[in-house]
Protein backbone atom coordinates (compact mmCIF):
# COMPACT_ATOMS: atom_id res chain seq x y z
CA MET A 1 102.87 141.69 123.01
CA LEU A 2 100.67 138.85 120.99
CA LEU A 3 100.20 136.78 124.07
CA ILE A 4 99.42 139.96 126.24
CA ARG A 5 96.87 141.12 124.04
CA TYR A 6 95.48 137.54 123.65
CA TRP A 7 94.94 137.51 127.69
CA LEU A 8 93.23 141.24 127.48
CA LYS A 9 90.98 140.03 124.68
CA ILE A 10 89.99 137.24 126.82
CA VAL A 11 89.23 138.98 129.67
CA PHE A 12 87.68 141.38 128.02
CA LEU A 13 85.40 138.93 126.19
CA GLY A 14 84.60 137.49 129.87
CA ILE A 15 83.32 140.89 131.12
CA LEU A 16 81.30 141.74 128.10
CA LEU A 17 79.93 138.39 128.03
CA PHE A 18 79.31 138.80 131.89
CA THR A 19 77.18 141.85 130.78
CA VAL A 20 75.09 139.88 128.22
CA SER A 21 74.37 137.27 130.84
CA LEU A 22 72.55 139.88 133.01
CA GLY A 23 70.33 140.76 130.55
CA ILE A 24 68.56 137.43 129.70
CA GLY A 25 65.53 137.06 131.83
CA ALA A 26 61.77 136.43 131.72
CA GLU A 27 60.41 138.40 134.36
CA SER A 28 61.10 141.88 133.26
CA TRP A 29 62.47 144.10 130.45
CA ASP A 30 62.81 147.39 131.64
CA ASN A 31 66.39 148.57 131.25
CA TRP A 32 67.17 144.65 130.56
CA GLY A 33 67.17 143.86 134.27
CA MET A 34 70.56 145.49 135.20
CA THR A 35 69.35 146.00 138.76
CA THR A 36 67.00 142.93 139.54
CA TYR A 37 68.90 140.10 137.96
CA ALA A 38 71.25 137.98 139.59
CA SER A 39 74.93 137.90 138.44
CA PRO A 40 75.12 134.42 136.58
CA LEU A 41 78.34 134.31 138.71
CA GLU A 42 77.00 133.98 142.09
CA GLY A 43 77.54 130.12 143.75
CA LEU A 44 81.05 129.96 141.83
CA SER A 45 83.56 128.37 144.60
CA ALA A 46 86.75 130.10 145.63
CA GLU A 47 88.89 127.21 144.40
CA CYS A 48 87.32 127.49 141.08
CA GLY A 49 90.00 130.32 140.45
CA PRO A 50 89.82 133.45 137.66
CA LEU A 51 87.02 133.08 134.92
CA ILE A 52 89.39 132.70 132.18
CA SER A 53 91.01 129.88 134.09
CA TYR A 54 88.41 127.70 132.78
CA LEU A 55 87.82 128.57 128.91
CA PRO A 56 89.60 126.18 127.13
CA PRO A 57 91.74 126.98 123.97
CA GLY A 58 91.17 126.42 120.27
CA ASN A 59 88.64 127.48 118.24
CA ALA A 60 84.73 127.36 118.80
CA VAL A 61 82.67 126.04 115.97
CA THR A 62 80.63 128.87 114.80
CA ASP A 63 78.65 127.70 111.82
CA GLY A 64 74.67 126.43 113.20
CA ARG A 65 74.59 123.93 110.62
CA THR A 66 77.85 122.20 111.75
CA LEU A 67 76.92 122.50 115.36
CA LEU A 68 73.77 120.38 114.30
CA ARG A 69 75.17 118.01 112.28
CA ASN A 70 77.56 117.37 115.15
CA ALA A 71 74.50 117.17 117.45
CA LEU A 72 72.98 114.34 115.64
CA PRO A 73 73.32 111.40 117.64
CA ILE A 74 75.19 108.89 115.44
CA HIS A 75 78.21 107.21 116.26
CA ASP A 76 79.74 106.28 112.41
CA LYS A 77 83.38 107.31 113.06
CA GLU A 78 83.58 107.44 109.04
CA VAL A 79 81.17 109.82 108.20
CA ARG A 80 81.89 111.71 111.07
CA LYS A 81 85.66 111.95 109.01
CA LEU A 82 84.11 112.59 105.80
CA GLN A 83 82.12 115.42 107.26
CA ALA A 84 85.01 117.16 109.26
CA ASP A 85 87.34 116.83 105.88
CA LEU A 86 85.12 119.05 103.95
CA GLU A 87 84.38 121.28 106.78
CA ASP A 88 88.08 122.28 107.03
CA ILE A 89 87.95 123.26 103.58
CA SER A 90 86.36 126.46 104.81
CA GLU A 91 89.46 127.32 106.44
CA TRP A 92 91.74 127.14 103.44
CA LEU A 93 89.49 128.55 101.21
CA ARG A 94 89.51 132.12 103.30
CA SER A 95 92.94 132.10 102.34
CA LYS A 96 93.04 130.96 99.18
CA ARG A 97 95.29 127.67 99.79
CA TRP A 98 94.42 125.19 96.92
CA GLY A 99 97.00 122.79 97.96
CA PRO A 100 95.58 121.76 101.26
CA ILE A 101 91.97 121.98 99.74
CA LYS A 102 93.19 119.25 97.38
CA ARG A 103 94.42 117.41 100.17
CA ASP A 104 90.86 117.66 101.81
CA ILE A 105 89.35 116.38 98.79
CA SER A 106 91.62 113.40 98.25
CA LYS A 107 90.91 112.36 101.77
CA VAL A 108 87.04 112.98 101.39
CA GLY A 109 87.20 110.51 98.31
CA ARG A 110 89.24 108.04 100.38
CA VAL A 111 86.77 107.62 102.93
CA LEU A 112 83.90 107.84 100.53
CA ASN A 113 85.56 104.52 98.18
CA THR A 114 87.19 102.66 101.34
CA SER A 115 84.21 102.98 103.90
CA ARG A 116 80.99 103.40 101.83
CA SER A 117 79.93 99.73 102.85
CA LYS A 118 80.67 100.36 106.57
CA MET A 119 78.75 103.37 106.15
CA LEU A 120 75.43 101.81 105.15
CA GLU A 121 76.05 99.38 107.68
CA ASP A 122 75.10 101.73 110.06
CA VAL A 123 71.68 103.08 108.20
CA PRO A 124 68.49 101.31 109.47
CA PRO A 125 67.24 99.07 106.96
CA LYS A 126 64.00 101.10 105.83
CA ASN A 127 66.56 104.12 105.11
CA LYS A 128 69.18 102.04 102.93
CA ALA A 129 67.78 102.85 99.43
CA ALA A 130 67.66 106.53 100.33
CA ALA A 131 70.96 106.23 101.96
CA GLU A 132 72.69 104.61 98.62
CA THR A 133 71.05 107.47 96.50
CA LEU A 134 72.74 110.06 98.51
CA LEU A 135 76.24 108.45 98.58
CA ASP A 136 75.59 108.53 94.46
CA GLN A 137 74.83 111.78 94.53
CA PHE A 138 77.66 112.80 96.42
CA GLN A 139 80.27 110.71 94.32
CA VAL A 140 78.99 113.09 91.62
CA GLY A 141 79.36 116.37 93.67
CA LEU A 142 82.77 115.96 94.84
CA GLY A 143 83.74 115.32 91.25
CA THR A 144 81.93 118.60 90.56
CA LEU A 145 84.06 120.07 93.54
CA ARG A 146 87.10 118.57 92.19
CA GLU A 147 86.63 120.71 88.75
CA ALA A 148 86.32 123.91 90.82
CA VAL A 149 89.39 123.37 92.82
CA SER A 150 91.42 122.68 90.09
CA ALA A 151 89.90 125.95 88.10
CA GLU A 152 90.99 127.54 91.26
CA ASP A 153 87.16 129.22 91.44
CA LYS A 154 86.41 130.33 95.03
CA GLU A 155 82.51 130.96 94.64
CA GLN A 156 81.94 127.69 92.91
CA THR A 157 84.34 125.74 95.63
CA TRP A 158 82.12 126.88 98.69
CA SER A 159 78.91 126.48 96.29
CA ASN A 160 80.02 122.94 95.70
CA ARG A 161 81.38 122.40 98.93
CA ALA A 162 77.61 123.34 101.08
CA ALA A 163 75.75 121.40 98.47
CA LEU A 164 77.64 118.13 99.53
CA LEU A 165 77.65 118.80 102.92
CA LYS A 166 73.57 119.28 102.77
CA LEU A 167 73.79 115.63 101.19
CA VAL A 168 76.24 114.66 104.26
CA THR A 169 74.01 116.14 106.53
CA GLU A 170 70.69 114.10 105.07
CA PHE A 171 72.98 110.84 105.11
CA GLU A 172 73.71 111.56 108.58
CA GLU A 173 69.81 111.85 109.50
CA LEU A 174 69.26 108.70 107.84
CA MET A 175 71.57 107.24 110.30
CA VAL A 176 69.52 108.02 113.11
CA GLU A 177 67.21 105.30 114.37
CA GLY A 178 64.71 106.05 117.20
CA PHE A 179 64.78 108.66 119.85
CA PRO A 180 68.33 108.32 121.77
CA PHE A 181 67.01 108.49 125.63
CA GLU A 182 64.10 108.41 127.44
CA ILE A 183 62.42 111.46 128.80
CA PRO A 184 61.68 111.73 133.09
CA GLN A 185 58.32 111.04 133.38
CA VAL A 186 57.79 113.96 135.61
CA TYR A 187 58.04 116.26 132.62
CA SER A 188 55.31 114.14 130.63
CA HIS A 189 52.69 117.02 130.99
CA LEU A 190 55.00 118.80 128.60
CA PRO A 191 55.05 118.74 124.90
CA GLN A 192 58.20 116.95 123.74
CA LEU A 193 59.87 117.40 120.42
CA ARG A 194 61.21 113.67 119.49
CA GLY A 195 63.41 114.86 116.42
CA ARG A 196 63.86 118.13 114.92
CA ALA A 197 61.83 120.91 113.32
CA THR A 198 62.20 123.46 110.74
CA VAL A 199 60.57 126.74 111.73
CA GLU A 200 60.12 129.78 109.36
CA PHE A 201 59.87 133.43 111.22
CA GLU A 202 58.34 136.30 109.06
CA THR A 203 59.52 139.97 109.88
CA ARG A 204 58.99 142.99 107.80
CA GLN A 205 62.55 142.83 107.52
CA GLY A 206 62.71 139.23 105.50
CA THR A 207 61.96 136.02 106.17
CA MET A 208 64.64 133.89 108.81
CA THR A 209 64.83 129.96 108.66
CA ALA A 210 65.57 128.28 112.15
CA ILE A 211 66.64 124.46 112.85
CA VAL A 212 65.08 123.24 116.58
CA ASP A 213 66.63 120.62 118.13
CA GLY A 214 64.73 117.87 119.82
CA PHE A 215 67.50 115.50 119.98
CA SER A 216 69.32 117.55 122.54
CA ALA A 217 66.49 119.87 124.12
CA PRO A 218 63.17 117.93 123.80
CA ILE A 219 61.11 119.90 126.30
CA THR A 220 62.45 123.11 125.40
CA ALA A 221 62.19 122.73 121.59
CA GLY A 222 58.75 121.02 122.30
CA ASN A 223 57.40 123.93 124.12
CA PHE A 224 58.61 126.12 121.62
CA VAL A 225 57.21 124.06 118.49
CA ASP A 226 54.03 123.89 120.11
CA LEU A 227 53.58 127.54 121.01
CA VAL A 228 55.00 128.00 117.32
CA GLN A 229 52.09 126.03 116.05
CA ARG A 230 49.45 127.31 118.25
CA GLY A 231 50.25 130.56 116.49
CA PHE A 232 51.36 132.21 119.89
CA TYR A 233 54.19 134.24 118.79
CA ASP A 234 52.40 135.88 115.65
CA GLY A 235 52.57 139.85 116.44
CA LEU A 236 54.85 139.73 119.25
CA GLU A 237 57.17 142.65 119.48
CA PHE A 238 61.01 142.52 119.64
CA THR A 239 63.04 143.79 122.45
CA ARG A 240 66.49 144.27 121.30
CA ALA A 241 69.54 145.65 123.54
CA GLU A 242 72.23 146.93 121.58
CA ASP A 243 74.78 146.49 124.38
CA TYR A 244 73.69 142.97 125.10
CA TYR A 245 74.07 141.29 121.66
CA ILE A 246 70.64 139.65 122.19
CA LEU A 247 67.43 140.06 120.65
CA GLN A 248 64.50 138.89 122.73
CA THR A 249 60.71 138.38 122.18
CA GLY A 250 58.13 136.16 123.62
CA ASP A 251 56.07 138.21 125.90
CA PRO A 252 52.56 138.42 125.07
CA PRO A 253 50.44 141.50 125.82
CA GLY A 254 48.26 141.82 128.68
CA PRO A 255 49.31 141.18 132.52
CA GLU A 256 51.01 137.80 131.70
CA THR A 257 54.46 137.14 130.92
CA GLY A 258 54.43 133.90 129.48
CA PHE A 259 51.73 131.22 128.53
CA VAL A 260 48.94 130.24 129.95
CA ASP A 261 47.20 127.22 128.29
CA PRO A 262 43.53 128.17 127.04
CA LYS A 263 42.28 124.33 127.78
CA THR A 264 43.60 124.49 131.44
CA GLY A 265 44.06 127.80 132.47
CA GLU A 266 47.42 126.86 134.00
CA TYR A 267 50.78 128.59 133.55
CA ARG A 268 53.06 126.81 131.90
CA THR A 269 56.95 126.25 132.92
CA ILE A 270 59.60 124.29 131.59
CA PRO A 271 63.04 123.31 133.53
CA LEU A 272 66.65 124.20 131.84
CA GLU A 273 67.43 121.43 129.60
CA ILE A 274 71.11 120.78 129.06
CA LEU A 275 72.79 117.75 127.13
CA VAL A 276 76.50 117.70 127.59
CA LYS A 277 79.10 116.10 125.30
CA GLY A 278 79.76 112.68 126.38
CA ASP A 279 76.62 112.24 128.26
CA SER A 280 73.42 110.17 127.00
CA GLU A 281 70.61 112.42 128.06
CA PRO A 282 70.40 116.06 129.03
CA ILE A 283 70.66 117.58 132.73
CA TYR A 284 67.67 119.11 134.18
CA GLY A 285 66.59 121.79 136.61
CA GLU A 286 70.48 122.65 137.22
CA THR A 287 73.00 124.92 135.59
CA LEU A 288 76.10 123.20 134.90
CA GLU A 289 77.99 125.51 137.14
CA ASN A 290 75.86 124.82 140.10
CA LEU A 291 76.91 121.54 139.53
CA GLY A 292 80.32 122.16 139.78
CA ARG A 293 80.87 121.11 135.76
CA TYR A 294 82.90 124.51 134.76
CA LEU A 295 84.66 121.98 131.69
CA ASP A 296 81.96 120.31 130.69
CA ASP A 297 80.83 121.60 127.10
CA PRO A 298 76.86 121.64 126.06
CA VAL A 299 76.13 120.11 122.70
CA LEU A 300 74.49 122.87 121.80
CA PRO A 301 77.09 125.96 122.51
CA PHE A 302 76.62 129.30 122.23
CA SER A 303 79.08 130.12 119.70
CA ALA A 304 77.30 130.70 116.75
CA PHE A 305 75.69 133.97 115.57
CA GLY A 306 71.66 133.39 115.51
CA THR A 307 71.39 130.89 118.35
CA LEU A 308 68.37 130.05 119.79
CA GLY A 309 68.25 130.30 123.51
CA MET A 310 65.37 130.10 126.20
CA ALA A 311 64.86 132.94 128.30
CA ALA A 312 64.13 132.34 132.16
CA PRO A 313 64.06 134.22 135.59
CA SER A 314 67.36 135.22 137.17
CA ASN A 315 65.82 133.45 140.34
CA ASP A 316 64.28 130.63 138.90
CA VAL A 317 66.12 128.50 136.12
CA ASN A 318 62.94 126.08 136.06
CA GLY A 319 61.05 129.11 135.08
CA ALA A 320 61.20 129.55 131.70
CA SER A 321 57.78 130.06 129.91
CA SER A 322 57.46 131.42 126.11
CA GLN A 323 60.34 133.85 125.98
CA PHE A 324 63.17 133.24 123.66
CA PHE A 325 66.26 134.98 122.69
CA PHE A 326 68.53 135.63 119.39
CA PHE A 327 71.85 135.56 120.49
CA LEU A 328 73.49 137.86 118.32
CA PHE A 329 77.18 137.71 119.54
CA GLU A 330 79.75 137.75 116.62
CA PRO A 331 80.90 134.04 116.62
CA GLU A 332 84.54 135.38 115.78
CA LEU A 333 84.93 136.90 119.24
CA THR A 334 82.92 134.23 121.28
CA PRO A 335 85.33 132.05 123.31
CA ALA A 336 85.90 128.52 122.32
CA GLY A 337 83.85 126.02 124.53
CA LEU A 338 82.41 127.67 127.80
CA ASN A 339 81.26 130.97 127.88
CA LEU A 340 79.25 132.99 130.21
CA LEU A 341 76.06 131.37 128.55
CA ASP A 342 76.94 127.89 128.22
CA GLY A 343 75.33 125.67 130.97
CA ARG A 344 73.20 128.55 132.21
CA TYR A 345 70.53 129.05 129.24
CA ALA A 346 69.19 126.25 127.38
CA VAL A 347 69.75 126.47 123.53
CA PHE A 348 67.26 124.65 121.26
CA GLY A 349 68.42 125.42 117.86
CA TYR A 350 69.78 127.93 115.40
CA VAL A 351 68.98 130.04 112.57
CA ILE A 352 70.54 128.90 109.70
CA GLU A 353 68.91 131.53 106.66
CA GLY A 354 68.75 134.71 106.89
CA LYS A 355 70.60 135.40 109.64
CA GLU A 356 71.83 139.00 108.43
CA ILE A 357 68.38 139.95 109.37
CA LEU A 358 68.99 139.64 112.71
CA ASN A 359 71.12 142.92 112.70
CA GLN A 360 68.76 144.96 110.76
CA LEU A 361 65.44 144.25 113.05
CA THR A 362 64.51 146.67 116.16
CA ALA A 363 62.09 147.07 119.02
CA THR A 364 59.82 148.46 116.00
CA ASP A 365 59.84 145.48 114.41
CA ARG A 366 57.90 142.27 115.53
CA ILE A 367 57.13 138.36 114.07
CA LEU A 368 54.63 138.77 111.54
CA SER A 369 54.17 135.01 111.60
CA ALA A 370 56.13 132.16 113.24
CA LYS A 371 55.38 128.74 111.35
CA VAL A 372 56.60 125.26 111.42
CA VAL A 373 57.66 123.94 107.87
CA SER A 374 58.51 120.47 108.73
CA GLY A 375 59.07 118.20 111.59
CA LEU A 376 55.79 118.88 112.80
CA GLU A 377 55.05 115.14 113.16
CA ASN A 378 58.15 114.87 115.48
CA LEU A 379 55.99 116.96 117.98
CA VAL A 380 54.55 114.49 120.77
CA GLN A 381 51.73 116.35 122.84
CA PRO A 382 50.89 115.19 126.40
CA THR A 383 48.19 112.71 126.77
CA GLY A 384 44.80 114.57 125.82
CA VAL A 385 45.92 117.32 124.38
């Protein structure tokens, strides 16, 4: 009976995510394009079998902060192990299983004590002093976490664990040296984000904070940050479709549906851009489906509530301009690994604070203002801009 329920759930999710993907296009919002957008399943070859046959088992990572940590271009196994042991605590904490939590904390302590020097070796010289300070702070914070766990204080354990993971994130960011790959010259006319930026969205319902990842999607993120910096999104309305679990915006008033550069008078489009786990640089201009890479996982997947995705016309994956969407599907219902949006639309970041506001926003709301609060120095403009 449980197995039958599992497969029924997978089939249901496949159908639901199929309808979601039908609605995400940039050329029209009327009825969310149910009659005008092409099916995302077009092009699947017969030998691929049913959709559910390539949904891998396991649990997807559903936390945006974790996904962003995992996406950092670093290769130090020890810091990754320390990170993973801290993240594992959340599963035990939900069921208040204090024994496994204590074991995970012991693992974290051992990694810190035995691998501190090794982790510091992988930090660029200019960042070593700051990295050492972070490890010292981590050591103190780990002691505080132990005390909270010993007292079986769930709230303090959550809080202290989050503080330690923040230190881990900062340490891993110090490990990054330079930009990890060369962006094709053909896209040199487009803004590029060579690193990360933090963007705040002010709405009538409150403020949301998102991290935009140029390490994984430099052109998509660069285009977005450039438009934010121009004030392009200020005042633009949201369009919400309850049935499709997306909140979309970015359509300017008037006859145009995207961004026209006021200096050149040219309409800006950007290519589909997807970095796959294990690849050294993103794939441009093709969906993973069209390339036959059905089992490949994007570094930035649609598995977290508040995922930022780039909208594009259904007939042109390289026709994205200014419209983007927040993915509102409940993460615990999102199939692990591939779903019907992964590999078809570019993800360029995640909302990390104020996610609850997304459920409150409707078509009567708008972006009052969007601003870059950090990371603007990573935005590289084309020569002459």
